[in-house]
Amino acid sequence: MDQTTNTILMIRPVAFRMNEQTAVNNYYQKVLDNTSPATVNAKAQKEFDAFVDKLKKVGVNVIVVEDTLEPDTPDSIFPNNWISFHENGDVTLYPMFAENRRLERREDILDIIESNGFEINEIMDYTSAEDDGFYLEGTGSILLDRTNQKAYCALSPRADEELFIEFCEDYDLAPVIFEAFQTVNGERKQIYHTNVMMCLAETFAVICADCIDDKQERKMVLDNLKADGKDIILITEEQVNNFAGNMLQVKGKDNKRYLVMSNSAHQSLTKAQIHKIEEHCEILSSSLDTIEACGGGSARCMMAEVFLPKTE
């Protein structure tokens, strides 16, 4: 199983703004004072287009789908939370915590993926768990180590343990379960998505071990990474606040690997960390300041990887 792909799905926003429904447990979101929604969206679109441009320039196959004005989906720019595409032809649909995020699930997106030459065999749909108040937000909640058939998950109001275990059983993955925290106004609160504090690449992992307060859990997570031969690059909580955990490794032309991140993430890294990453692959960064501030998500959240088989 490949850990990285050359194809990603991205949703271009039309009404991006801070989503009040997600702000209850996403502590990275901020209100941009005195900025009109139209201005926020225009800035987000500019950042989005420049980011897509950079990815395409290095040979990443980006499938861009324009969002629609109706229904109101302020977070549609983060598709990795509601859908994932797998090598066996499965598409997985995930239960979402915020009611207005559930409206992001669009069947026509599957048609667009197919029209780009990909094969969809089966749809694995976990969305009925929403009715019972259980959530698991895609590759935001779940970090897949496809090669070693493991899945990492930091439990939170958006990542239910039983649902995660069910997902792992369905996909024949070994679950690695822990809790990750951040300090909010002097209190330790669960981090809403695993992919904010951790990134899994082919030969290395970027992780904020300090977010895992339980020493045994921390050791267990690091032991799993070491056992799979991953070079571990540790980041600080301050760097997590700059989205340095929210990165994704992708393939460009000639199978060249890139670690994709935002400018704020890149600028927060030390020379030693950058050097360590560059021993494995090149860094590609783009300015996502507005998207990060209002959306509370960064580069990783904006990219849904497509691993589906190509149609003959």
C-alpha atoms as a PDB file:
ATOM      1  CA  MET A   1       0.000   0.000   0.000  1.00  0.00           C
ATOM      2  CA  ASP A   2       1.294   3.434  -0.926  1.00  0.00           C
ATOM      3  CA  GLN A   3       1.445   6.041   1.834  1.00  0.00           C
ATOM      4  CA  THR A   4       1.371   9.008  -0.561  1.00  0.00           C
ATOM      5  CA  THR A   5      -0.627   9.896  -3.650  1.00  0.00           C
ATOM      6  CA  ASN A   6      -0.253  12.228  -6.610  1.00  0.00           C
ATOM      7  CA  THR A   7      -3.981  13.124  -6.732  1.00  0.00           C
ATOM      8  CA  ILE A   8      -5.874  15.296  -4.278  1.00  0.00           C
ATOM      9  CA  LEU A   9      -9.385  16.711  -4.141  1.00  0.00           C
ATOM     10  CA  MET A  10      -9.779  20.342  -3.063  1.00  0.00           C
ATOM     11  CA  ILE A  11     -12.971  22.381  -2.639  1.00  0.00           C
ATOM     12  CA  ARG A  12     -12.808  26.056  -3.634  1.00  0.00           C
ATOM     13  CA  PRO A  13     -14.801  28.162  -1.147  1.00  0.00           C
ATOM     14  CA  VAL A  14     -17.613  30.520  -2.143  1.00  0.00           C
ATOM     15  CA  ALA A  15     -18.818  31.601   1.311  1.00  0.00           C
ATOM     16  CA  PHE A  16     -15.893  30.873   3.636  1.00  0.00           C
ATOM     17  CA  ARG A  17     -16.122  32.364   7.134  1.00  0.00           C
ATOM     18  CA  MET A  18     -15.589  31.385  10.736  1.00  0.00           C
ATOM     19  CA  ASN A  19     -18.007  28.548  11.486  1.00  0.00           C
ATOM     20  CA  GLU A  20     -19.682  29.264  14.823  1.00  0.00           C
ATOM     21  CA  GLN A  21     -20.771  25.589  15.101  1.00  0.00           C
ATOM     22  CA  THR A  22     -17.196  24.268  15.068  1.00  0.00           C
ATOM     23  CA  ALA A  23     -15.696  26.989  17.282  1.00  0.00           C
ATOM     24  CA  VAL A  24     -17.084  25.290  20.416  1.00  0.00           C
ATOM     25  CA  ASN A  25     -14.213  22.777  20.407  1.00  0.00           C
ATOM     26  CA  ASN A  26     -11.807  24.051  17.738  1.00  0.00           C
ATOM     27  CA  TYR A  27      -9.700  26.442  19.816  1.00  0.00           C
ATOM     28  CA  TYR A  28      -7.604  27.502  16.819  1.00  0.00           C
ATOM     29  CA  GLN A  29     -10.424  29.546  15.261  1.00  0.00           C
ATOM     30  CA  LYS A  30     -10.423  33.308  15.663  1.00  0.00           C
ATOM     31  CA  VAL A  31     -12.846  36.069  14.803  1.00  0.00           C
ATOM     32  CA  LEU A  32     -11.248  38.553  12.414  1.00  0.00           C
ATOM     33  CA  ASP A  33     -12.591  41.850  13.767  1.00  0.00           C
ATOM     34  CA  ASN A  34     -14.019  44.428  11.409  1.00  0.00           C
ATOM     35  CA  THR A  35     -13.605  42.184   8.377  1.00  0.00           C
ATOM     36  CA  SER A  36     -16.722  41.635   6.293  1.00  0.00           C
ATOM     37  CA  PRO A  37     -17.661  38.066   5.294  1.00  0.00           C
ATOM     38  CA  ALA A  38     -17.153  39.006   1.628  1.00  0.00           C
ATOM     39  CA  THR A  39     -13.610  40.197   2.354  1.00  0.00           C
ATOM     40  CA  VAL A  40     -12.819  37.066   4.371  1.00  0.00           C
ATOM     41  CA  ASN A  41     -14.063  34.858   1.524  1.00  0.00           C
ATOM     42  CA  ALA A  42     -12.162  36.838  -1.119  1.00  0.00           C
ATOM     43  CA  LYS A  43      -8.944  36.501   0.900  1.00  0.00           C
ATOM     44  CA  ALA A  44      -9.559  32.778   1.413  1.00  0.00           C
ATOM     45  CA  GLN A  45     -10.142  32.299  -2.332  1.00  0.00           C
ATOM     46  CA  LYS A  46      -6.899  34.115  -3.104  1.00  0.00           C
ATOM     47  CA  GLU A  47      -4.978  31.900  -0.679  1.00  0.00           C
ATOM     48  CA  PHE A  48      -6.718  28.800  -2.049  1.00  0.00           C
ATOM     49  CA  ASP A  49      -5.915  29.625  -5.697  1.00  0.00           C
ATOM     50  CA  ALA A  50      -2.265  30.413  -4.955  1.00  0.00           C
ATOM     51  CA  PHE A  51      -1.943  27.144  -3.000  1.00  0.00           C
ATOM     52  CA  VAL A  52      -3.492  25.063  -5.819  1.00  0.00           C
ATOM     53  CA  ASP A  53      -1.186  26.815  -8.261  1.00  0.00           C
ATOM     54  CA  LYS A  54       1.909  25.838  -6.274  1.00  0.00           C
ATOM     55  CA  LEU A  55       0.783  22.221  -6.047  1.00  0.00           C
ATOM     56  CA  LYS A  56       0.083  22.006  -9.776  1.00  0.00           C
ATOM     57  CA  LYS A  57       3.443  23.600 -10.629  1.00  0.00           C
ATOM     58  CA  VAL A  58       5.307  20.700  -8.997  1.00  0.00           C
ATOM     59  CA  GLY A  59       3.094  18.164 -10.766  1.00  0.00           C
ATOM     60  CA  VAL A  60       0.459  17.314  -8.156  1.00  0.00           C
ATOM     61  CA  ASN A  61      -2.829  16.327  -9.813  1.00  0.00           C
ATOM     62  CA  VAL A  62      -5.353  18.618  -8.095  1.00  0.00           C
ATOM     63  CA  ILE A  63      -9.065  18.066  -8.734  1.00  0.00           C
ATOM     64  CA  VAL A  64     -10.701  21.385  -7.820  1.00  0.00           C
ATOM     65  CA  VAL A  65     -14.443  21.451  -7.187  1.00  0.00           C
ATOM     66  CA  GLU A  66     -16.207  24.779  -6.702  1.00  0.00           C
ATOM     67  CA  ASP A  67     -18.423  24.953  -3.630  1.00  0.00           C
ATOM     68  CA  THR A  68     -22.052  26.042  -3.981  1.00  0.00           C
ATOM     69  CA  LEU A  69     -23.710  28.975  -2.209  1.00  0.00           C
ATOM     70  CA  GLU A  70     -26.602  26.764  -1.126  1.00  0.00           C
ATOM     71  CA  PRO A  71     -26.602  25.026   1.329  1.00  0.00           C
ATOM     72  CA  ASP A  72     -24.498  27.214   3.657  1.00  0.00           C
ATOM     73  CA  THR A  73     -21.197  25.382   4.210  1.00  0.00           C
ATOM     74  CA  PRO A  74     -18.565  27.754   5.647  1.00  0.00           C
ATOM     75  CA  ASP A  75     -16.039  24.910   6.174  1.00  0.00           C
ATOM     76  CA  SER A  76     -16.345  23.202   2.778  1.00  0.00           C
ATOM     77  CA  ILE A  77     -12.680  24.071   2.135  1.00  0.00           C
ATOM     78  CA  PHE A  78     -11.777  21.153   4.477  1.00  0.00           C
ATOM     79  CA  PRO A  79     -13.099  18.062   2.595  1.00  0.00           C
ATOM     80  CA  ASN A  80     -10.751  15.585   4.286  1.00  0.00           C
ATOM     81  CA  ASN A  81     -13.133  15.463   7.270  1.00  0.00           C
ATOM     82  CA  TRP A  82     -16.154  14.017   5.464  1.00  0.00           C
ATOM     83  CA  ILE A  83     -14.645  11.780   2.792  1.00  0.00           C
ATOM     84  CA  SER A  84     -11.675   9.509   2.097  1.00  0.00           C
ATOM     85  CA  PHE A  85     -10.729   7.511  -1.008  1.00  0.00           C
ATOM     86  CA  HIS A  86      -9.011   4.125  -0.736  1.00  0.00           C
ATOM     87  CA  GLU A  87      -6.825   1.911  -2.939  1.00  0.00           C
ATOM     88  CA  ASN A  88      -9.412  -0.884  -3.010  1.00  0.00           C
ATOM     89  CA  GLY A  89     -11.953   1.445  -4.637  1.00  0.00           C
ATOM     90  CA  ASP A  90     -13.820   2.242  -1.406  1.00  0.00           C
ATOM     91  CA  VAL A  91     -15.069   5.708  -0.605  1.00  0.00           C
ATOM     92  CA  THR A  92     -15.696   6.379   3.088  1.00  0.00           C
ATOM     93  CA  LEU A  93     -18.241   8.921   4.341  1.00  0.00           C
ATOM     94  CA  TYR A  94     -17.827  10.140   7.906  1.00  0.00           C
ATOM     95  CA  PRO A  95     -20.160  11.419  10.666  1.00  0.00           C
ATOM     96  CA  MET A  96     -19.558  15.103  11.385  1.00  0.00           C
ATOM     97  CA  PHE A  97     -19.890  16.944  14.698  1.00  0.00           C
ATOM     98  CA  ALA A  98     -21.219  20.271  13.335  1.00  0.00           C
ATOM     99  CA  GLU A  99     -24.645  20.091  11.708  1.00  0.00           C
ATOM    100  CA  ASN A 100     -23.774  22.568   8.984  1.00  0.00           C
ATOM    101  CA  ARG A 101     -20.695  20.529   8.077  1.00  0.00           C
ATOM    102  CA  ARG A 102     -22.884  17.512   7.272  1.00  0.00           C
ATOM    103  CA  LEU A 103     -24.210  19.519   4.333  1.00  0.00           C
ATOM    104  CA  GLU A 104     -20.732  19.393   2.745  1.00  0.00           C
ATOM    105  CA  ARG A 105     -21.324  15.792   1.662  1.00  0.00           C
ATOM    106  CA  ARG A 106     -22.182  16.058  -2.038  1.00  0.00           C
ATOM    107  CA  GLU A 107     -22.892  13.099  -4.292  1.00  0.00           C
ATOM    108  CA  ASP A 108     -21.901  15.049  -7.389  1.00  0.00           C
ATOM    109  CA  ILE A 109     -18.322  15.134  -6.054  1.00  0.00           C
ATOM    110  CA  LEU A 110     -18.181  11.357  -6.524  1.00  0.00           C
ATOM    111  CA  ASP A 111     -19.295  11.821 -10.134  1.00  0.00           C
ATOM    112  CA  ILE A 112     -16.536  14.396 -10.654  1.00  0.00           C
ATOM    113  CA  ILE A 113     -13.942  11.996  -9.211  1.00  0.00           C
ATOM    114  CA  GLU A 114     -15.163   9.253 -11.568  1.00  0.00           C
ATOM    115  CA  SER A 115     -15.112  11.636 -14.544  1.00  0.00           C
ATOM    116  CA  ASN A 116     -11.425  12.203 -13.729  1.00  0.00           C
ATOM    117  CA  GLY A 117     -10.742   8.538 -14.456  1.00  0.00           C
ATOM    118  CA  PHE A 118     -11.076   6.931 -11.040  1.00  0.00           C
ATOM    119  CA  GLU A 119     -13.018   3.843 -10.108  1.00  0.00           C
ATOM    120  CA  ILE A 120     -15.413   3.735  -7.151  1.00  0.00           C
ATOM    121  CA  ASN A 121     -16.480   0.249  -6.072  1.00  0.00           C
ATOM    122  CA  GLU A 122     -18.168   0.649  -2.736  1.00  0.00           C
ATOM    123  CA  ILE A 123     -19.299   3.401  -0.395  1.00  0.00           C
ATOM    124  CA  MET A 124     -18.646   2.796   3.289  1.00  0.00           C
ATOM    125  CA  ASP A 125     -21.082   5.068   5.071  1.00  0.00           C
ATOM    126  CA  TYR A 126     -20.683   5.731   8.806  1.00  0.00           C
ATOM    127  CA  THR A 127     -22.853   8.851   8.800  1.00  0.00           C
ATOM    128  CA  SER A 128     -25.829   7.276  10.625  1.00  0.00           C
ATOM    129  CA  ALA A 129     -23.731   7.519  13.820  1.00  0.00           C
ATOM    130  CA  GLU A 130     -24.588  11.246  13.787  1.00  0.00           C
ATOM    131  CA  ASP A 131     -28.140  10.346  14.853  1.00  0.00           C
ATOM    132  CA  ASP A 132     -26.728   8.869  18.072  1.00  0.00           C
ATOM    133  CA  GLY A 133     -24.275  11.713  18.659  1.00  0.00           C
ATOM    134  CA  PHE A 134     -21.092   9.866  17.675  1.00  0.00           C
ATOM    135  CA  TYR A 135     -18.544  11.362  15.295  1.00  0.00           C
ATOM    136  CA  LEU A 136     -15.358  10.445  13.456  1.00  0.00           C
ATOM    137  CA  GLU A 137     -14.110  13.184  11.201  1.00  0.00           C
ATOM    138  CA  GLY A 138     -12.211  11.472   8.418  1.00  0.00           C
ATOM    139  CA  THR A 139      -8.476  11.945   8.054  1.00  0.00           C
ATOM    140  CA  GLY A 140      -8.746  14.814  10.505  1.00  0.00           C
ATOM    141  CA  SER A 141      -9.509  12.307  13.283  1.00  0.00           C
ATOM    142  CA  ILE A 142      -7.683   9.346  11.752  1.00  0.00           C
ATOM    143  CA  LEU A 143      -4.069   9.278  10.619  1.00  0.00           C
ATOM    144  CA  LEU A 144      -3.600   6.346   8.295  1.00  0.00           C
ATOM    145  CA  ASP A 145      -0.308   4.519   8.062  1.00  0.00           C
ATOM    146  CA  ARG A 146      -1.375   2.657   4.948  1.00  0.00           C
ATOM    147  CA  THR A 147       1.928   0.840   4.441  1.00  0.00           C
ATOM    148  CA  ASN A 148       2.037  -0.583   7.966  1.00  0.00           C
ATOM    149  CA  GLN A 149      -1.743  -0.990   8.207  1.00  0.00           C
ATOM    150  CA  LYS A 150      -2.157   1.115  11.307  1.00  0.00           C
ATOM    151  CA  ALA A 151      -4.456   3.995  12.168  1.00  0.00           C
ATOM    152  CA  TYR A 152      -3.717   6.646  14.792  1.00  0.00           C
ATOM    153  CA  CYS A 153      -6.517   8.504  16.552  1.00  0.00           C
ATOM    154  CA  ALA A 154      -6.557  11.145  19.294  1.00  0.00           C
ATOM    155  CA  LEU A 155      -9.956  10.806  20.956  1.00  0.00           C
ATOM    156  CA  SER A 156     -12.057  13.958  21.203  1.00  0.00           C
ATOM    157  CA  PRO A 157     -15.686  15.103  20.918  1.00  0.00           C
ATOM    158  CA  ARG A 158     -15.139  14.571  17.178  1.00  0.00           C
ATOM    159  CA  ALA A 159     -13.456  11.171  17.354  1.00  0.00           C
ATOM    160  CA  ASP A 160     -15.417   8.408  19.060  1.00  0.00           C
ATOM    161  CA  GLU A 161     -13.426   5.392  20.233  1.00  0.00           C
ATOM    162  CA  GLU A 162     -15.947   2.663  19.359  1.00  0.00           C
ATOM    163  CA  LEU A 163     -16.572   4.132  15.931  1.00  0.00           C
ATOM    164  CA  PHE A 164     -12.834   4.354  15.308  1.00  0.00           C
ATOM    165  CA  ILE A 165     -12.382   0.699  16.301  1.00  0.00           C
ATOM    166  CA  GLU A 166     -15.234  -0.285  13.975  1.00  0.00           C
ATOM    167  CA  PHE A 167     -13.543   1.622  11.139  1.00  0.00           C
ATOM    168  CA  CYS A 168     -10.236  -0.169  11.866  1.00  0.00           C
ATOM    169  CA  GLU A 169     -11.972  -3.560  11.827  1.00  0.00           C
ATOM    170  CA  ASP A 170     -13.656  -2.766   8.507  1.00  0.00           C
ATOM    171  CA  TYR A 171     -10.355  -1.727   6.949  1.00  0.00           C
ATOM    172  CA  ASP A 172      -8.193  -4.318   8.693  1.00  0.00           C
ATOM    173  CA  LEU A 173      -6.054  -1.718  10.474  1.00  0.00           C
ATOM    174  CA  ALA A 174      -4.371  -1.886  13.883  1.00  0.00           C
ATOM    175  CA  PRO A 175      -5.762   0.978  16.021  1.00  0.00           C
ATOM    176  CA  VAL A 176      -3.382   3.248  17.948  1.00  0.00           C
ATOM    177  CA  ILE A 177      -5.581   5.188  20.387  1.00  0.00           C
ATOM    178  CA  PHE A 178      -4.572   8.053  22.653  1.00  0.00           C
ATOM    179  CA  GLU A 179      -5.637  11.476  23.910  1.00  0.00           C
ATOM    180  CA  ALA A 180      -3.963  14.734  22.896  1.00  0.00           C
ATOM    181  CA  PHE A 181      -4.333  18.055  24.679  1.00  0.00           C
ATOM    182  CA  GLN A 182      -3.626  21.736  24.238  1.00  0.00           C
ATOM    183  CA  THR A 183      -3.591  24.521  26.805  1.00  0.00           C
ATOM    184  CA  VAL A 184      -6.577  26.876  26.460  1.00  0.00           C
ATOM    185  CA  ASN A 185      -6.739  29.733  28.981  1.00  0.00           C
ATOM    186  CA  GLY A 186      -4.603  27.733  31.398  1.00  0.00           C
ATOM    187  CA  GLU A 187      -6.665  24.538  31.065  1.00  0.00           C
ATOM    188  CA  ARG A 188      -5.770  21.306  29.250  1.00  0.00           C
ATOM    189  CA  LYS A 189      -8.441  20.618  26.593  1.00  0.00           C
ATOM    190  CA  GLN A 190      -8.643  17.796  24.057  1.00  0.00           C
ATOM    191  CA  ILE A 191      -7.293  18.671  20.627  1.00  0.00           C
ATOM    192  CA  TYR A 192     -10.171  18.442  18.177  1.00  0.00           C
ATOM    193  CA  HIS A 193      -8.321  16.626  15.347  1.00  0.00           C
ATOM    194  CA  THR A 194      -5.351  14.260  15.385  1.00  0.00           C
ATOM    195  CA  ASN A 195      -3.915  15.805  12.231  1.00  0.00           C
ATOM    196  CA  VAL A 196      -3.297  19.103  14.045  1.00  0.00           C
ATOM    197  CA  MET A 197      -0.574  17.600  16.243  1.00  0.00           C
ATOM    198  CA  MET A 198       0.775  14.834  14.017  1.00  0.00           C
ATOM    199  CA  CYS A 199       1.714  14.078  10.421  1.00  0.00           C
ATOM    200  CA  LEU A 200       2.655  10.680   8.980  1.00  0.00           C
ATOM    201  CA  ALA A 201       4.901  10.563   5.934  1.00  0.00           C
ATOM    202  CA  GLU A 202       6.538   7.559   4.248  1.00  0.00           C
ATOM    203  CA  THR A 203       9.817   7.543   6.130  1.00  0.00           C
ATOM    204  CA  PHE A 204       9.190  10.007   8.951  1.00  0.00           C
ATOM    205  CA  ALA A 205       6.575  11.406  11.315  1.00  0.00           C
ATOM    206  CA  VAL A 206       6.146  14.928  12.646  1.00  0.00           C
ATOM    207  CA  ILE A 207       4.540  14.858  16.085  1.00  0.00           C
ATOM    208  CA  CYS A 208       4.029  16.967  19.189  1.00  0.00           C
ATOM    209  CA  ALA A 209       4.625  14.308  21.846  1.00  0.00           C
ATOM    210  CA  ASP A 210       4.068  16.975  24.536  1.00  0.00           C
ATOM    211  CA  CYS A 211       0.374  17.060  23.572  1.00  0.00           C
ATOM    212  CA  ILE A 212       0.011  13.478  24.819  1.00  0.00           C
ATOM    213  CA  ASP A 213      -0.195  14.074  28.573  1.00  0.00           C
ATOM    214  CA  ASP A 214      -0.364  10.409  29.601  1.00  0.00           C
ATOM    215  CA  LYS A 215       3.232   9.152  29.671  1.00  0.00           C
ATOM    216  CA  GLN A 216       2.292   5.554  28.845  1.00  0.00           C
ATOM    217  CA  GLU A 217       0.180   6.634  25.869  1.00  0.00           C
ATOM    218  CA  ARG A 218       2.967   8.908  24.669  1.00  0.00           C
ATOM    219  CA  LYS A 219       5.482   6.069  24.849  1.00  0.00           C
ATOM    220  CA  MET A 220       3.061   3.717  23.090  1.00  0.00           C
ATOM    221  CA  VAL A 221       2.551   6.133  20.166  1.00  0.00           C
ATOM    222  CA  LEU A 222       6.286   6.823  19.788  1.00  0.00           C
ATOM    223  CA  ASP A 223       7.078   3.093  20.080  1.00  0.00           C
ATOM    224  CA  ASN A 224       4.648   2.364  17.228  1.00  0.00           C
ATOM    225  CA  LEU A 225       6.330   4.942  15.008  1.00  0.00           C
ATOM    226  CA  LYS A 226       9.808   3.660  15.909  1.00  0.00           C
ATOM    227  CA  ALA A 227       8.793   0.045  15.308  1.00  0.00           C
ATOM    228  CA  ASP A 228       7.830   1.019  11.758  1.00  0.00           C
ATOM    229  CA  GLY A 229      11.176   2.676  11.200  1.00  0.00           C
ATOM    230  CA  LYS A 230       9.856   6.234  11.088  1.00  0.00           C
ATOM    231  CA  ASP A 231      12.307   9.056  11.704  1.00  0.00           C
ATOM    232  CA  ILE A 232      10.544  11.042  14.457  1.00  0.00           C
ATOM    233  CA  ILE A 233      10.628  14.827  14.210  1.00  0.00           C
ATOM    234  CA  LEU A 234       9.342  16.389  17.425  1.00  0.00           C
ATOM    235  CA  ILE A 235       7.551  19.731  17.422  1.00  0.00           C
ATOM    236  CA  THR A 236       6.403  21.944  20.313  1.00  0.00           C
ATOM    237  CA  GLU A 237       2.906  23.002  21.336  1.00  0.00           C
ATOM    238  CA  GLU A 238       3.751  26.530  20.208  1.00  0.00           C
ATOM    239  CA  GLN A 239       4.549  25.126  16.762  1.00  0.00           C
ATOM    240  CA  VAL A 240       1.253  23.189  16.798  1.00  0.00           C
ATOM    241  CA  ASN A 241      -0.471  26.549  17.367  1.00  0.00           C
ATOM    242  CA  ASN A 242       1.174  27.644  14.106  1.00  0.00           C
ATOM    243  CA  PHE A 243      -0.189  24.514  12.362  1.00  0.00           C
ATOM    244  CA  ALA A 244       3.197  22.794  12.136  1.00  0.00           C
ATOM    245  CA  GLY A 245       1.493  19.448  12.784  1.00  0.00           C
ATOM    246  CA  ASN A 246      -0.984  19.967   9.949  1.00  0.00           C
ATOM    247  CA  MET A 247       1.137  18.784   7.021  1.00  0.00           C
ATOM    248  CA  LEU A 248       0.733  16.230   4.242  1.00  0.00           C
ATOM    249  CA  GLN A 249       3.271  14.429   2.088  1.00  0.00           C
ATOM    250  CA  VAL A 250       2.289  14.233  -1.587  1.00  0.00           C
ATOM    251  CA  LYS A 251       3.844  13.069  -4.846  1.00  0.00           C
ATOM    252  CA  GLY A 252       4.681  15.545  -7.593  1.00  0.00           C
ATOM    253  CA  LYS A 253       5.988  14.827 -11.075  1.00  0.00           C
ATOM    254  CA  ASP A 254       8.448  11.951 -11.464  1.00  0.00           C
ATOM    255  CA  ASN A 255       7.210  10.683  -8.077  1.00  0.00           C
ATOM    256  CA  LYS A 256       9.129  13.417  -6.267  1.00  0.00           C
ATOM    257  CA  ARG A 257       7.922  13.785  -2.662  1.00  0.00           C
ATOM    258  CA  TYR A 258       6.888  17.070  -1.065  1.00  0.00           C
ATOM    259  CA  LEU A 259       5.831  17.871   2.483  1.00  0.00           C
ATOM    260  CA  VAL A 260       3.034  20.412   2.102  1.00  0.00           C
ATOM    261  CA  MET A 261       2.365  22.983   4.824  1.00  0.00           C
ATOM    262  CA  SER A 262       1.377  26.616   5.380  1.00  0.00           C
ATOM    263  CA  ASN A 263       3.810  29.520   5.572  1.00  0.00           C
ATOM    264  CA  SER A 264       3.065  29.944   9.278  1.00  0.00           C
ATOM    265  CA  ALA A 265       3.937  26.288   9.885  1.00  0.00           C
ATOM    266  CA  HIS A 266       7.118  26.589   7.808  1.00  0.00           C
ATOM    267  CA  GLN A 267       8.213  29.779   9.571  1.00  0.00           C
ATOM    268  CA  SER A 268       7.641  28.244  13.008  1.00  0.00           C
ATOM    269  CA  LEU A 269      10.076  25.377  12.332  1.00  0.00           C
ATOM    270  CA  THR A 270      13.663  25.530  13.539  1.00  0.00           C
ATOM    271  CA  LYS A 271      16.598  25.168  11.143  1.00  0.00           C
ATOM    272  CA  ALA A 272      17.300  21.730  12.620  1.00  0.00           C
ATOM    273  CA  GLN A 273      13.699  20.567  12.029  1.00  0.00           C
ATOM    274  CA  ILE A 274      13.710  21.879   8.451  1.00  0.00           C
ATOM    275  CA  HIS A 275      17.018  20.128   7.832  1.00  0.00           C
ATOM    276  CA  LYS A 276      15.589  16.861   9.184  1.00  0.00           C
ATOM    277  CA  ILE A 277      12.508  17.091   6.958  1.00  0.00           C
ATOM    278  CA  GLU A 278      14.625  17.946   3.923  1.00  0.00           C
ATOM    279  CA  GLU A 279      16.663  14.779   4.434  1.00  0.00           C
ATOM    280  CA  HIS A 280      13.443  12.985   3.401  1.00  0.00           C
ATOM    281  CA  CYS A 281      11.728  15.325   0.952  1.00  0.00           C
ATOM    282  CA  GLU A 282      11.298  18.915  -0.196  1.00  0.00           C
ATOM    283  CA  ILE A 283       9.051  21.385   1.634  1.00  0.00           C
ATOM    284  CA  LEU A 284       6.259  23.174  -0.214  1.00  0.00           C
ATOM    285  CA  SER A 285       4.570  25.987   1.710  1.00  0.00           C
ATOM    286  CA  SER A 286       1.923  28.555   0.898  1.00  0.00           C
ATOM    287  CA  SER A 287       0.310  31.461   2.766  1.00  0.00           C
ATOM    288  CA  LEU A 288      -2.975  30.364   4.398  1.00  0.00           C
ATOM    289  CA  ASP A 289      -3.295  33.046   7.093  1.00  0.00           C
ATOM    290  CA  THR A 290      -7.005  33.848   6.603  1.00  0.00           C
ATOM    291  CA  ILE A 291      -8.020  30.210   6.189  1.00  0.00           C
ATOM    292  CA  GLU A 292      -6.094  29.242   9.339  1.00  0.00           C
ATOM    293  CA  ALA A 293      -7.471  32.104  11.442  1.00  0.00           C
ATOM    294  CA  CYS A 294     -11.152  31.722  10.532  1.00  0.00           C
ATOM    295  CA  GLY A 295     -11.241  28.010   9.786  1.00  0.00           C
ATOM    296  CA  GLY A 296      -8.924  26.744  12.492  1.00  0.00           C
ATOM    297  CA  GLY A 297      -7.461  24.315   9.957  1.00  0.00           C
ATOM    298  CA  SER A 298      -4.523  24.443   7.591  1.00  0.00           C
ATOM    299  CA  ALA A 299      -2.878  22.827   4.556  1.00  0.00           C
ATOM    300  CA  ARG A 300      -3.534  19.191   5.519  1.00  0.00           C
ATOM    301  CA  CYS A 301      -7.239  19.778   6.142  1.00  0.00           C
ATOM    302  CA  MET A 302      -7.678  21.268   2.677  1.00  0.00           C
ATOM    303  CA  MET A 303      -6.497  18.152   0.835  1.00  0.00           C
ATOM    304  CA  ALA A 304      -8.489  14.927   0.492  1.00  0.00           C
ATOM    305  CA  GLU A 305      -6.128  12.325  -0.941  1.00  0.00           C
ATOM    306  CA  VAL A 306      -7.373  10.163  -3.808  1.00  0.00           C
ATOM    307  CA  PHE A 307      -5.982   6.613  -3.699  1.00  0.00           C
ATOM    308  CA  LEU A 308      -8.684   5.052  -5.881  1.00  0.00           C
ATOM    309  CA  PRO A 309      -7.731   2.741  -8.745  1.00  0.00           C
ATOM    310  CA  LYS A 310      -7.736   4.232 -12.232  1.00  0.00           C
ATOM    311  CA  THR A 311     -10.464   3.049 -14.613  1.00  0.00           C
ATOM    312  CA  GLU A 312      -9.150   0.836 -17.372  1.00  0.00           C
END
